[in-house]
N, C-alpha and C. Protein backbone atom coordinates (compact mmCIF):
# COMPACT_ATOMS: atom_id res chain seq x y z
N MET A 1 29.54 -49.19 142.34
CA MET A 1 28.22 -48.56 142.34
C MET A 1 27.20 -49.61 141.93
N SER A 2 26.08 -49.60 142.60
CA SER A 2 25.06 -50.60 142.31
C SER A 2 24.41 -50.33 140.96
N PRO A 3 23.88 -51.37 140.31
CA PRO A 3 23.21 -51.20 139.01
C PRO A 3 22.04 -50.22 139.08
N ILE A 4 21.33 -50.20 140.21
CA ILE A 4 20.19 -49.29 140.34
C ILE A 4 20.66 -47.85 140.37
N ARG A 5 21.71 -47.54 141.11
CA ARG A 5 22.24 -46.17 141.15
C ARG A 5 22.78 -45.78 139.78
N MET A 6 23.47 -46.68 139.10
CA MET A 6 24.00 -46.38 137.78
C MET A 6 22.87 -46.09 136.81
N GLU A 7 21.78 -46.83 136.90
CA GLU A 7 20.64 -46.60 136.02
C GLU A 7 20.08 -45.20 136.23
N ARG A 8 20.00 -44.74 137.47
CA ARG A 8 19.51 -43.38 137.74
C ARG A 8 20.44 -42.34 137.14
N LEU A 9 21.74 -42.58 137.22
CA LEU A 9 22.71 -41.64 136.67
C LEU A 9 22.61 -41.57 135.15
N GLU A 10 22.31 -42.69 134.52
CA GLU A 10 22.25 -42.75 133.06
C GLU A 10 20.90 -42.34 132.49
N SER A 11 19.86 -42.27 133.30
CA SER A 11 18.52 -42.03 132.78
C SER A 11 18.40 -40.67 132.10
N GLY A 12 19.09 -39.66 132.61
CA GLY A 12 19.04 -38.34 131.97
C GLY A 12 19.62 -38.38 130.57
N VAL A 13 20.74 -39.06 130.40
CA VAL A 13 21.36 -39.18 129.08
C VAL A 13 20.43 -39.92 128.13
N ARG A 14 19.79 -40.97 128.61
CA ARG A 14 18.85 -41.71 127.76
C ARG A 14 17.68 -40.82 127.33
N THR A 15 17.18 -39.98 128.24
CA THR A 15 16.09 -39.06 127.89
C THR A 15 16.54 -38.08 126.82
N VAL A 16 17.73 -37.53 126.97
CA VAL A 16 18.25 -36.56 125.99
C VAL A 16 18.47 -37.23 124.63
N LEU A 17 19.00 -38.43 124.62
CA LEU A 17 19.21 -39.14 123.35
C LEU A 17 17.86 -39.46 122.68
N ALA A 18 16.86 -39.83 123.46
CA ALA A 18 15.53 -40.08 122.89
C ALA A 18 14.93 -38.79 122.34
N PHE A 19 15.12 -37.68 123.03
CA PHE A 19 14.62 -36.38 122.56
C PHE A 19 15.28 -36.02 121.23
N THR A 20 16.59 -36.23 121.13
CA THR A 20 17.32 -35.93 119.90
C THR A 20 16.85 -36.83 118.76
N GLU A 21 16.62 -38.09 119.03
CA GLU A 21 16.13 -39.00 118.00
C GLU A 21 14.76 -38.57 117.52
N ALA A 22 13.88 -38.18 118.43
CA ALA A 22 12.56 -37.69 118.03
C ALA A 22 12.71 -36.42 117.19
N PHE A 23 13.63 -35.53 117.55
CA PHE A 23 13.91 -34.33 116.75
C PHE A 23 14.30 -34.73 115.33
N ASN A 24 15.24 -35.66 115.22
CA ASN A 24 15.73 -36.07 113.90
C ASN A 24 14.65 -36.72 113.05
N GLN A 25 13.64 -37.31 113.68
CA GLN A 25 12.51 -37.90 112.95
C GLN A 25 11.38 -36.89 112.73
N ARG A 26 11.59 -35.67 113.22
CA ARG A 26 10.53 -34.62 113.18
C ARG A 26 9.26 -35.15 113.86
N ASP A 27 9.46 -35.86 114.94
CA ASP A 27 8.37 -36.46 115.71
C ASP A 27 8.04 -35.52 116.87
N LEU A 28 7.30 -34.46 116.58
CA LEU A 28 6.98 -33.48 117.60
C LEU A 28 6.23 -34.09 118.78
N PRO A 29 5.21 -34.95 118.56
CA PRO A 29 4.57 -35.59 119.72
C PRO A 29 5.57 -36.40 120.56
N GLY A 30 6.51 -37.06 119.92
CA GLY A 30 7.53 -37.81 120.66
C GLY A 30 8.42 -36.90 121.48
N MET A 31 8.77 -35.73 120.93
CA MET A 31 9.56 -34.76 121.67
C MET A 31 8.80 -34.26 122.88
N LEU A 32 7.51 -33.95 122.67
CA LEU A 32 6.69 -33.40 123.75
C LEU A 32 6.46 -34.41 124.87
N GLN A 33 6.46 -35.70 124.55
CA GLN A 33 6.31 -36.73 125.58
C GLN A 33 7.51 -36.75 126.53
N LEU A 34 8.62 -36.18 126.11
CA LEU A 34 9.84 -36.22 126.90
C LEU A 34 10.09 -34.94 127.69
N ILE A 35 9.16 -33.98 127.63
CA ILE A 35 9.31 -32.75 128.41
C ILE A 35 8.14 -32.62 129.39
N SER A 36 8.39 -31.93 130.48
CA SER A 36 7.34 -31.72 131.48
C SER A 36 6.35 -30.67 130.98
N GLU A 37 5.17 -30.65 131.60
CA GLU A 37 4.13 -29.69 131.21
C GLU A 37 4.62 -28.25 131.32
N ASP A 38 5.45 -27.96 132.32
CA ASP A 38 5.92 -26.59 132.53
C ASP A 38 7.41 -26.44 132.20
N CYS A 39 7.90 -27.26 131.27
CA CYS A 39 9.30 -27.23 130.86
C CYS A 39 9.72 -25.80 130.49
N SER A 40 10.93 -25.46 130.86
CA SER A 40 11.52 -24.17 130.53
C SER A 40 12.53 -24.39 129.41
N PHE A 41 12.41 -23.62 128.33
CA PHE A 41 13.29 -23.80 127.17
C PHE A 41 13.85 -22.45 126.74
N GLU A 42 15.16 -22.39 126.65
CA GLU A 42 15.84 -21.20 126.15
C GLU A 42 16.47 -21.56 124.80
N PRO A 43 15.84 -21.13 123.68
CA PRO A 43 16.38 -21.45 122.35
C PRO A 43 17.75 -20.82 122.15
N PRO A 44 18.51 -21.34 121.17
CA PRO A 44 19.88 -20.89 121.00
C PRO A 44 20.08 -19.53 120.36
N SER A 45 19.13 -19.05 119.58
CA SER A 45 19.32 -17.78 118.88
C SER A 45 19.13 -16.62 119.84
N PRO A 46 20.01 -15.61 119.77
CA PRO A 46 19.93 -14.49 120.71
C PRO A 46 18.58 -13.77 120.73
N GLY A 47 17.88 -13.71 119.61
CA GLY A 47 16.61 -13.01 119.56
C GLY A 47 15.42 -13.82 120.04
N ASP A 48 15.61 -15.11 120.26
CA ASP A 48 14.50 -15.98 120.67
C ASP A 48 14.16 -15.77 122.14
N ALA A 49 12.88 -15.70 122.41
CA ALA A 49 12.41 -15.51 123.78
C ALA A 49 12.50 -16.81 124.57
N HIS A 50 12.63 -16.68 125.88
CA HIS A 50 12.59 -17.82 126.78
C HIS A 50 11.16 -18.37 126.77
N LEU A 51 11.02 -19.68 126.64
CA LEU A 51 9.70 -20.30 126.53
C LEU A 51 9.42 -21.18 127.74
N ARG A 52 8.14 -21.26 128.10
CA ARG A 52 7.74 -22.14 129.20
C ARG A 52 6.45 -22.84 128.83
N GLY A 53 6.44 -24.16 129.04
CA GLY A 53 5.24 -24.97 128.83
C GLY A 53 5.19 -25.60 127.45
N LYS A 54 4.50 -26.74 127.41
CA LYS A 54 4.41 -27.52 126.17
C LYS A 54 3.82 -26.73 125.00
N PRO A 55 2.74 -25.95 125.17
CA PRO A 55 2.19 -25.24 124.00
C PRO A 55 3.19 -24.30 123.35
N ALA A 56 3.90 -23.51 124.14
CA ALA A 56 4.88 -22.56 123.58
C ALA A 56 6.05 -23.30 122.93
N ILE A 57 6.53 -24.35 123.58
CA ILE A 57 7.65 -25.11 123.04
C ILE A 57 7.24 -25.85 121.78
N SER A 58 6.05 -26.40 121.77
CA SER A 58 5.54 -27.08 120.59
C SER A 58 5.47 -26.12 119.40
N HIS A 59 4.97 -24.93 119.65
CA HIS A 59 4.87 -23.93 118.58
C HIS A 59 6.26 -23.57 118.04
N TYR A 60 7.24 -23.40 118.93
CA TYR A 60 8.60 -23.10 118.51
C TYR A 60 9.14 -24.18 117.59
N TRP A 61 9.03 -25.46 118.02
CA TRP A 61 9.60 -26.54 117.23
C TRP A 61 8.85 -26.74 115.92
N GLN A 62 7.55 -26.54 115.91
CA GLN A 62 6.80 -26.65 114.66
C GLN A 62 7.26 -25.61 113.66
N ASP A 63 7.44 -24.36 114.13
CA ASP A 63 7.97 -23.30 113.26
C ASP A 63 9.37 -23.65 112.77
N TYR A 64 10.20 -24.19 113.66
CA TYR A 64 11.56 -24.57 113.29
C TYR A 64 11.55 -25.62 112.19
N PHE A 65 10.72 -26.66 112.36
CA PHE A 65 10.65 -27.72 111.35
C PHE A 65 10.08 -27.19 110.04
N ASN A 66 9.20 -26.22 110.09
CA ASN A 66 8.68 -25.59 108.86
C ASN A 66 9.79 -24.85 108.13
N CYS A 67 10.69 -24.20 108.87
CA CYS A 67 11.81 -23.47 108.26
C CYS A 67 12.93 -24.40 107.81
N PHE A 68 13.16 -25.45 108.57
CA PHE A 68 14.28 -26.37 108.32
C PHE A 68 13.78 -27.81 108.34
N PRO A 69 13.07 -28.24 107.31
CA PRO A 69 12.46 -29.57 107.34
C PRO A 69 13.47 -30.72 107.31
N GLN A 70 14.70 -30.46 106.94
CA GLN A 70 15.70 -31.54 106.89
C GLN A 70 16.73 -31.42 108.01
N ALA A 71 16.45 -30.64 109.03
CA ALA A 71 17.42 -30.46 110.13
C ALA A 71 17.76 -31.81 110.76
N HIS A 72 19.03 -31.96 111.07
CA HIS A 72 19.49 -33.22 111.67
C HIS A 72 20.58 -32.89 112.70
N ILE A 73 20.38 -33.40 113.91
CA ILE A 73 21.37 -33.20 114.97
C ILE A 73 22.19 -34.47 115.13
N LYS A 74 23.49 -34.29 115.19
CA LYS A 74 24.40 -35.39 115.50
C LYS A 74 25.03 -35.07 116.86
N ILE A 75 24.79 -35.94 117.82
CA ILE A 75 25.39 -35.78 119.14
C ILE A 75 26.87 -36.16 119.04
N GLU A 76 27.75 -35.23 119.39
CA GLU A 76 29.17 -35.51 119.41
C GLU A 76 29.58 -36.12 120.75
N GLU A 77 28.89 -35.68 121.80
CA GLU A 77 29.20 -36.16 123.13
C GLU A 77 28.01 -35.85 124.04
N ALA A 78 27.67 -36.76 124.91
CA ALA A 78 26.62 -36.52 125.89
C ALA A 78 27.04 -37.18 127.19
N PHE A 79 26.85 -36.45 128.27
CA PHE A 79 27.15 -37.02 129.58
C PHE A 79 26.22 -36.39 130.61
N GLY A 80 26.05 -37.11 131.66
CA GLY A 80 25.16 -36.61 132.69
C GLY A 80 25.50 -37.18 134.04
N PHE A 81 24.92 -36.55 135.02
CA PHE A 81 25.06 -37.02 136.38
C PHE A 81 23.75 -36.74 137.09
N GLY A 82 22.98 -37.78 137.24
CA GLY A 82 21.69 -37.61 137.92
C GLY A 82 20.74 -36.73 137.16
N LEU A 83 20.39 -35.60 137.74
CA LEU A 83 19.37 -34.71 137.17
C LEU A 83 19.90 -33.76 136.10
N ARG A 84 21.18 -33.78 135.85
CA ARG A 84 21.78 -32.86 134.88
C ARG A 84 22.39 -33.64 133.72
N CYS A 85 22.30 -33.03 132.55
CA CYS A 85 22.87 -33.68 131.36
C CYS A 85 23.37 -32.60 130.41
N VAL A 86 24.46 -32.88 129.73
CA VAL A 86 25.05 -31.97 128.75
C VAL A 86 25.23 -32.73 127.45
N SER A 87 24.87 -32.08 126.34
CA SER A 87 25.16 -32.68 125.04
C SER A 87 25.88 -31.66 124.17
N ARG A 88 26.91 -32.12 123.50
CA ARG A 88 27.63 -31.32 122.50
C ARG A 88 27.23 -31.87 121.16
N TRP A 89 26.83 -31.01 120.24
CA TRP A 89 26.21 -31.47 119.01
C TRP A 89 26.61 -30.61 117.82
N ASN A 90 26.31 -31.13 116.62
CA ASN A 90 26.30 -30.29 115.42
C ASN A 90 24.98 -30.55 114.72
N CYS A 91 24.47 -29.52 114.10
CA CYS A 91 23.18 -29.58 113.42
C CYS A 91 23.36 -29.11 111.98
N THR A 92 23.01 -29.97 111.06
CA THR A 92 23.01 -29.61 109.64
C THR A 92 21.57 -29.33 109.25
N ARG A 93 21.36 -28.18 108.61
CA ARG A 93 19.99 -27.81 108.23
C ARG A 93 20.01 -27.06 106.91
N THR A 94 18.94 -27.24 106.15
CA THR A 94 18.78 -26.58 104.86
C THR A 94 17.50 -25.77 104.91
N ASP A 95 17.59 -24.49 104.55
CA ASP A 95 16.39 -23.65 104.59
C ASP A 95 15.64 -23.76 103.27
N SER A 96 14.53 -23.04 103.16
CA SER A 96 13.66 -23.13 101.98
C SER A 96 14.33 -22.64 100.70
N SER A 97 15.39 -21.82 100.82
CA SER A 97 16.09 -21.35 99.62
C SER A 97 17.16 -22.33 99.16
N GLY A 98 17.35 -23.42 99.94
CA GLY A 98 18.34 -24.42 99.57
C GLY A 98 19.70 -24.21 100.21
N THR A 99 19.84 -23.20 101.05
CA THR A 99 21.10 -22.93 101.72
C THR A 99 21.27 -23.87 102.90
N THR A 100 22.40 -24.58 102.91
CA THR A 100 22.70 -25.51 103.99
C THR A 100 23.71 -24.88 104.94
N THR A 101 23.44 -24.99 106.23
CA THR A 101 24.36 -24.51 107.25
C THR A 101 24.58 -25.62 108.26
N THR A 102 25.75 -25.57 108.88
CA THR A 102 26.05 -26.49 109.98
C THR A 102 26.39 -25.65 111.19
N LEU A 103 25.73 -25.93 112.29
CA LEU A 103 25.94 -25.23 113.54
C LEU A 103 26.51 -26.19 114.56
N ARG A 104 27.31 -25.67 115.47
CA ARG A 104 27.79 -26.47 116.60
C ARG A 104 27.27 -25.83 117.86
N GLY A 105 26.96 -26.67 118.83
CA GLY A 105 26.45 -26.10 120.06
C GLY A 105 26.49 -27.06 121.22
N VAL A 106 25.98 -26.56 122.33
CA VAL A 106 25.90 -27.30 123.57
C VAL A 106 24.52 -27.08 124.16
N ASP A 107 23.92 -28.13 124.65
CA ASP A 107 22.64 -28.04 125.36
C ASP A 107 22.83 -28.52 126.78
N LEU A 108 22.22 -27.79 127.70
CA LEU A 108 22.22 -28.15 129.11
C LEU A 108 20.79 -28.53 129.49
N PHE A 109 20.65 -29.65 130.15
CA PHE A 109 19.32 -30.16 130.51
C PHE A 109 19.24 -30.42 132.00
N ARG A 110 18.03 -30.22 132.55
CA ARG A 110 17.70 -30.73 133.88
C ARG A 110 16.56 -31.73 133.68
N ILE A 111 16.71 -32.87 134.31
CA ILE A 111 15.76 -33.97 134.15
C ILE A 111 15.12 -34.26 135.51
N GLN A 112 13.83 -34.53 135.48
CA GLN A 112 13.13 -34.96 136.69
C GLN A 112 12.08 -35.97 136.29
N ASP A 113 12.05 -37.11 136.96
CA ASP A 113 11.10 -38.18 136.65
C ASP A 113 11.15 -38.57 135.18
N SER A 114 12.35 -38.65 134.63
CA SER A 114 12.60 -39.03 133.22
C SER A 114 12.02 -38.04 132.22
N LEU A 115 11.75 -36.81 132.64
CA LEU A 115 11.27 -35.76 131.74
C LEU A 115 12.21 -34.56 131.80
N ILE A 116 12.36 -33.90 130.67
CA ILE A 116 13.16 -32.68 130.62
C ILE A 116 12.34 -31.56 131.26
N ILE A 117 12.90 -30.93 132.29
CA ILE A 117 12.21 -29.81 132.94
C ILE A 117 12.85 -28.47 132.60
N GLU A 118 14.09 -28.53 132.11
CA GLU A 118 14.79 -27.32 131.67
C GLU A 118 15.73 -27.68 130.54
N HIS A 119 15.74 -26.85 129.51
CA HIS A 119 16.56 -27.09 128.32
C HIS A 119 17.14 -25.74 127.89
N LEU A 120 18.44 -25.58 128.06
CA LEU A 120 19.13 -24.36 127.66
C LEU A 120 20.03 -24.72 126.49
N SER A 121 19.87 -24.02 125.38
CA SER A 121 20.59 -24.37 124.15
C SER A 121 21.47 -23.19 123.72
N TYR A 122 22.74 -23.50 123.39
CA TYR A 122 23.69 -22.47 123.00
C TYR A 122 24.38 -22.90 121.70
N ILE A 123 24.57 -21.94 120.80
CA ILE A 123 25.31 -22.22 119.56
C ILE A 123 26.63 -21.47 119.57
N LYS A 124 27.58 -22.05 118.88
CA LYS A 124 28.89 -21.42 118.75
C LYS A 124 28.74 -20.24 117.79
N GLY A 125 29.13 -19.08 118.25
CA GLY A 125 28.91 -17.86 117.45
C GLY A 125 30.09 -17.40 116.68
């Protein structure tokens, strides 16, 4: 496979890893730079509504960081093929009462022009 084709295959994984790094730094502007204007996001909690667009997604993540200011995602595995990418992760977070929880989950991404256009997040229940 040519280096150019391989680079296209790997670009989605690089975008997802950069998004996760921005999350871990609580760099909301950095996260938003990696999603499209009309990005579709399905948060992992069953009660969370499906979100579309940067304003709604920004509001969700800001609220999340307010609730869990020390949240940290560790990617256990990430792989992709072209426009699709999957990451398996664990997230350690501490709420305002001091309770620490660790969640495991999987995120499915669709990437276009090096931007996340769809992000579906699932946690192990």
